[in-house]
Amino acid sequence: MKLLVSLSSYGDKNLQYLNHVIDVYKSYKKYDVTIDVHCTVKLDRDDINQIVHDNPATTCLFHRQDFIREQNNFDLFLFAEYDMLIQESCIDTFLKHDKHLPIDYCLGFIRYENTPEQIQYLIDLWKNISGYNYIKNYNISLNNNEYFSLTNVHQAAYILTRDKLKYVIENTDFNITALDGNGPELASSGIFKDWPIGPRGVMNKVLPLNRNDLEQCFIHHMADCHCNAPGVNADPITFRNNTITKDLLFENLNL
């Protein structure tokens, strides 16, 4: 099965993460992987396709042109930001469920970060917000499989099969080349119907109500920069106090 991976990166501060995730993709055993990297600083390696850009704000969008151009040449299409670690088992689980899902549904991911104590914080799932539930729907039944959905669909990555990519291309403003004031999150999460900012997406993101399969849907934000000092949007203690852990998610789902 042919997999096209397109990554976005800007600056040279954290190239160690980019190099590591490339090495992980190159280590996949079941898939014939081609890697495109859209970056602002060229990597010292010749086993990938590198395209260097001057504008970091739009580096995250160029993968869409890759996917449009190559839509008939690959079976799977994966976009991710430079520091998102996606193991081969994630792809396996995605495909396991994809054959049971309608054309406008796809299996999603949940980002996590580690603390030194190896507590995994799910950095896009929040608590302590009045009137807010991080789980949108606890019980979605699709072809005799059970799923749930999240209120915040952001995941800094996505995978689509060829058929679902074509569905997205045909039914959305997919070939955008400017963020128009929207954040870079649009590049990945903009394909989802529940992403509230920018052009309307059409895909419904779901996650399996099965502990073993759900375990394979967690992807590591390698920078670990939200739940550890100095913190990005809040100090680490505040962030941890307001963020769901993996254990709490399993408890809330009764898994």
Protein backbone atom coordinates (compact mmCIF):
# COMPACT_ATOMS: atom_id res chain seq x y z
CA MET A 1 0.00 0.00 0.00
CA LYS A 2 1.47 3.33 -1.08
CA LEU A 3 1.51 6.10 1.53
CA LEU A 4 2.33 9.74 0.79
CA VAL A 5 3.48 11.62 3.88
CA SER A 6 3.67 15.41 3.66
CA LEU A 7 5.19 17.30 6.59
CA SER A 8 5.42 20.99 7.38
CA SER A 9 8.26 22.63 9.29
CA TYR A 10 9.55 26.15 9.80
CA GLY A 11 12.67 27.44 11.49
CA ASP A 12 15.60 25.42 12.79
CA LYS A 13 14.88 25.34 16.53
CA ASN A 14 13.42 21.83 16.72
CA LEU A 15 14.76 19.99 13.69
CA GLN A 16 15.62 17.03 15.93
CA TYR A 17 11.89 16.26 16.14
CA LEU A 18 11.47 16.46 12.38
CA ASN A 19 14.42 14.16 11.77
CA HIS A 20 13.07 11.68 14.30
CA VAL A 21 9.56 11.53 12.85
CA ILE A 22 11.04 11.07 9.35
CA ASP A 23 13.08 8.15 10.66
CA VAL A 24 9.92 6.62 12.14
CA TYR A 25 8.05 6.92 8.83
CA LYS A 26 11.03 5.40 7.04
CA SER A 27 10.89 2.45 9.44
CA TYR A 28 7.32 1.44 8.50
CA LYS A 29 7.22 -2.19 7.40
CA LYS A 30 3.78 -2.58 5.82
CA TYR A 31 3.67 0.55 3.68
CA ASP A 32 5.57 1.93 0.71
CA VAL A 33 6.27 5.41 2.08
CA THR A 34 7.15 8.58 0.15
CA ILE A 35 7.95 11.66 2.24
CA ASP A 36 7.59 15.29 1.17
CA VAL A 37 8.86 17.95 3.57
CA HIS A 38 7.83 21.59 3.18
CA CYS A 39 10.25 23.60 5.26
CA THR A 40 12.05 26.92 5.62
CA VAL A 41 15.39 25.33 6.60
CA LYS A 42 16.77 22.47 4.52
CA LEU A 43 17.60 19.22 6.28
CA ASP A 44 20.92 17.51 5.72
CA ARG A 45 19.46 14.33 4.26
CA ASP A 46 18.72 12.99 0.78
CA ASP A 47 16.12 10.29 1.49
CA ILE A 48 13.14 12.65 1.30
CA ASN A 49 11.69 15.22 -1.08
CA GLN A 50 12.41 18.68 0.32
CA ILE A 51 10.76 21.89 -0.81
CA VAL A 52 12.12 25.03 0.84
CA HIS A 53 9.79 28.02 1.21
CA ASP A 54 10.29 31.65 2.21
CA ASN A 55 6.98 32.11 4.03
CA PRO A 56 6.58 30.03 7.22
CA ALA A 57 2.96 31.11 7.65
CA THR A 58 1.86 29.08 4.64
CA THR A 59 4.30 26.17 4.88
CA CYS A 60 1.52 24.14 6.49
CA LEU A 61 -0.74 24.50 3.43
CA PHE A 62 1.52 23.21 0.66
CA HIS A 63 0.72 19.58 1.44
CA ARG A 64 -2.70 20.18 -0.08
CA GLN A 65 -1.15 20.80 -3.47
CA ASP A 66 0.89 17.60 -3.05
CA PHE A 67 -2.27 15.65 -2.34
CA ILE A 68 -4.23 17.13 -5.22
CA ARG A 69 -1.40 16.43 -7.63
CA GLU A 70 -0.84 12.86 -6.39
CA GLN A 71 -4.42 11.86 -5.60
CA ASN A 72 -4.40 9.01 -8.14
CA ASN A 73 -0.90 7.78 -7.35
CA PHE A 74 -1.16 6.78 -3.69
CA ASP A 75 -3.54 4.80 -1.52
CA LEU A 76 -3.12 6.80 1.68
CA PHE A 77 -2.33 10.45 2.38
CA LEU A 78 -0.92 11.67 5.69
CA PHE A 79 -0.25 15.26 6.68
CA ALA A 80 1.39 16.18 9.98
CA GLU A 81 3.22 19.01 11.63
CA TYR A 82 6.94 18.44 12.14
CA ASP A 83 6.78 17.33 15.79
CA MET A 84 3.86 14.88 15.66
CA LEU A 85 4.98 11.27 16.17
CA ILE A 86 2.65 8.83 14.40
CA GLN A 87 3.54 5.18 14.79
CA GLU A 88 2.80 2.52 12.18
CA SER A 89 0.21 0.98 14.50
CA CYS A 90 -1.83 4.20 14.13
CA ILE A 91 -2.04 3.58 10.39
CA ASP A 92 -3.00 -0.04 10.94
CA THR A 93 -5.83 0.97 13.29
CA PHE A 94 -7.01 3.70 10.93
CA LEU A 95 -7.34 1.17 8.10
CA LYS A 96 -8.98 -1.42 10.35
CA HIS A 97 -11.85 0.99 10.99
CA ASP A 98 -11.92 2.92 7.73
CA LYS A 99 -13.50 0.06 5.81
CA HIS A 100 -16.52 0.27 8.13
CA LEU A 101 -16.94 4.04 8.01
CA PRO A 102 -19.08 6.10 5.58
CA ILE A 103 -17.34 8.33 3.06
CA ASP A 104 -17.73 11.42 5.28
CA TYR A 105 -16.32 9.78 8.44
CA CYS A 106 -12.72 9.06 9.33
CA LEU A 107 -10.84 7.82 12.35
CA GLY A 108 -9.02 10.60 14.16
CA PHE A 109 -6.16 11.03 16.59
CA ILE A 110 -5.73 12.53 20.05
CA ARG A 111 -2.57 14.47 20.81
CA TYR A 112 -0.74 13.93 24.08
CA GLU A 113 2.30 15.24 25.91
CA ASN A 114 4.39 13.55 28.59
CA THR A 115 5.50 14.88 31.95
CA PRO A 116 8.74 13.64 33.54
CA GLU A 117 6.51 11.33 35.61
CA GLN A 118 5.15 9.88 32.33
CA ILE A 119 1.64 11.22 32.90
CA GLN A 120 0.05 11.72 29.50
CA TYR A 121 -1.95 14.92 29.12
CA LEU A 122 -4.35 15.11 26.17
CA ILE A 123 -3.52 18.67 25.25
CA ASP A 124 -6.63 19.45 23.17
CA LEU A 125 -9.13 18.10 25.73
CA TRP A 126 -10.02 20.48 28.54
CA LYS A 127 -11.99 20.51 31.78
CA ASN A 128 -13.02 23.21 34.30
CA ILE A 129 -14.80 25.27 31.63
CA SER A 130 -18.38 26.19 32.51
CA GLY A 131 -20.91 24.65 30.14
CA TYR A 132 -18.25 22.79 28.15
CA ASN A 133 -17.95 19.04 27.66
CA TYR A 134 -14.86 17.85 25.83
CA ILE A 135 -16.76 14.80 24.58
CA LYS A 136 -19.40 15.81 22.05
CA ASN A 137 -21.10 12.44 21.56
CA TYR A 138 -20.48 9.41 23.76
CA ASN A 139 -22.16 6.85 21.54
CA ILE A 140 -22.01 6.77 17.74
CA SER A 141 -22.93 3.45 16.13
CA LEU A 142 -21.62 2.87 12.60
CA ASN A 143 -21.88 -0.55 10.93
CA ASN A 144 -21.99 -2.39 14.25
CA ASN A 145 -18.95 -0.55 15.62
CA GLU A 146 -19.11 1.96 18.47
CA TYR A 147 -17.37 5.35 18.40
CA PHE A 148 -17.35 8.68 20.21
CA SER A 149 -16.60 12.22 19.07
CA LEU A 150 -14.80 15.20 20.58
CA THR A 151 -15.80 18.83 20.83
CA ASN A 152 -12.32 20.01 19.79
CA VAL A 153 -11.24 18.10 16.69
CA HIS A 154 -7.74 19.61 16.41
CA GLN A 155 -4.96 17.05 16.05
CA ALA A 156 -2.18 18.70 13.95
CA ALA A 157 -2.35 15.78 11.51
CA TYR A 158 -4.73 13.63 9.51
CA ILE A 159 -4.88 10.54 7.32
CA LEU A 160 -7.24 10.00 4.41
CA THR A 161 -7.68 7.18 1.94
CA ARG A 162 -7.71 8.04 -1.75
CA ASP A 163 -11.50 7.94 -1.94
CA LYS A 164 -11.93 10.16 1.10
CA LEU A 165 -9.29 12.59 -0.06
CA LYS A 166 -11.14 12.94 -3.37
CA TYR A 167 -14.38 13.47 -1.46
CA VAL A 168 -12.75 16.28 0.53
CA ILE A 169 -11.21 17.85 -2.60
CA GLU A 170 -14.53 17.78 -4.44
CA ASN A 171 -16.65 19.11 -1.58
CA THR A 172 -14.49 21.75 0.11
CA ASP A 173 -12.25 24.67 -0.68
CA PHE A 174 -9.27 22.33 -0.27
CA ASN A 175 -6.73 24.08 -2.49
CA ILE A 176 -6.25 27.12 -0.28
CA THR A 177 -2.87 28.86 -0.40
CA ALA A 178 -3.31 31.51 2.31
CA LEU A 179 -4.49 31.34 5.92
CA ASP A 180 -6.36 34.66 5.60
CA GLY A 181 -5.97 35.42 9.29
CA ASN A 182 -6.72 31.88 10.44
CA GLY A 183 -4.20 29.94 12.50
CA PRO A 184 -2.02 27.12 11.14
CA GLU A 185 -4.40 24.65 12.82
CA LEU A 186 -6.63 25.12 9.78
CA ALA A 187 -4.15 23.15 7.66
CA SER A 188 -4.90 19.89 9.43
CA SER A 189 -8.16 20.27 11.30
CA GLY A 190 -9.88 22.29 8.59
CA ILE A 191 -10.94 19.06 6.87
CA PHE A 192 -13.28 18.31 9.79
CA LYS A 193 -16.90 19.43 9.84
CA ASP A 194 -16.65 20.52 13.48
CA TRP A 195 -13.60 22.76 13.00
CA PRO A 196 -15.15 26.22 13.54
CA ILE A 197 -12.62 28.47 11.80
CA GLY A 198 -12.07 29.01 8.07
CA PRO A 199 -13.57 27.13 5.10
CA ARG A 200 -16.11 24.50 6.14
CA GLY A 201 -14.83 20.91 6.36
CA VAL A 202 -16.87 17.82 5.51
CA MET A 203 -15.30 14.97 7.49
CA ASN A 204 -16.69 13.70 10.78
CA LYS A 205 -13.89 12.75 13.16
CA VAL A 206 -14.64 9.71 15.32
CA LEU A 207 -12.65 7.60 17.76
CA PRO A 208 -13.20 3.93 18.69
CA LEU A 209 -15.01 2.99 21.91
CA ASN A 210 -12.58 0.14 22.34
CA ARG A 211 -9.65 0.56 24.70
CA ASN A 212 -7.11 -1.40 22.65
CA ASP A 213 -7.93 0.44 19.42
CA LEU A 214 -8.20 3.81 21.15
CA GLU A 215 -4.69 3.31 22.57
CA GLN A 216 -3.42 3.33 18.97
CA CYS A 217 -5.07 6.68 18.26
CA PHE A 218 -2.88 8.69 20.63
CA ILE A 219 -0.08 10.61 18.92
CA HIS A 220 2.79 12.26 20.74
CA HIS A 221 3.38 15.99 20.48
CA MET A 222 7.10 15.54 20.97
CA ALA A 223 7.86 19.07 22.10
CA ASP A 224 5.96 18.43 25.37
CA CYS A 225 5.79 22.20 25.65
CA HIS A 226 2.32 22.79 27.09
CA CYS A 227 2.33 20.66 30.22
CA ASN A 228 5.98 21.31 31.12
CA ALA A 229 7.90 24.47 31.99
CA PRO A 230 7.92 27.16 30.81
CA GLY A 231 4.54 26.46 29.21
CA VAL A 232 3.10 27.88 26.01
CA ASN A 233 -0.40 29.24 26.65
CA ALA A 234 -0.38 28.91 30.45
CA ASP A 235 2.01 27.95 33.21
CA PRO A 236 2.37 24.14 33.38
CA ILE A 237 0.50 23.71 36.68
CA THR A 238 -2.51 25.67 35.41
CA PHE A 239 -2.40 23.76 32.14
CA ARG A 240 -2.30 20.38 33.87
CA ASN A 241 -5.13 21.32 36.21
CA ASN A 242 -7.34 22.18 33.24
CA THR A 243 -6.41 19.34 30.87
CA ILE A 244 -7.70 15.78 30.60
CA THR A 245 -5.23 12.94 31.16
CA LYS A 246 -5.39 9.66 29.29
CA ASP A 247 -6.44 7.85 32.46
CA LEU A 248 -9.28 10.31 33.03
CA LEU A 249 -10.49 9.86 29.45
CA PHE A 250 -10.64 6.09 29.91
CA GLU A 251 -12.48 6.57 33.19
CA ASN A 252 -15.03 8.93 31.63
CA LEU A 253 -15.61 6.49 28.77
CA ASN A 254 -15.84 3.50 31.13
CA LEU A 255 -13.06 1.74 29.24
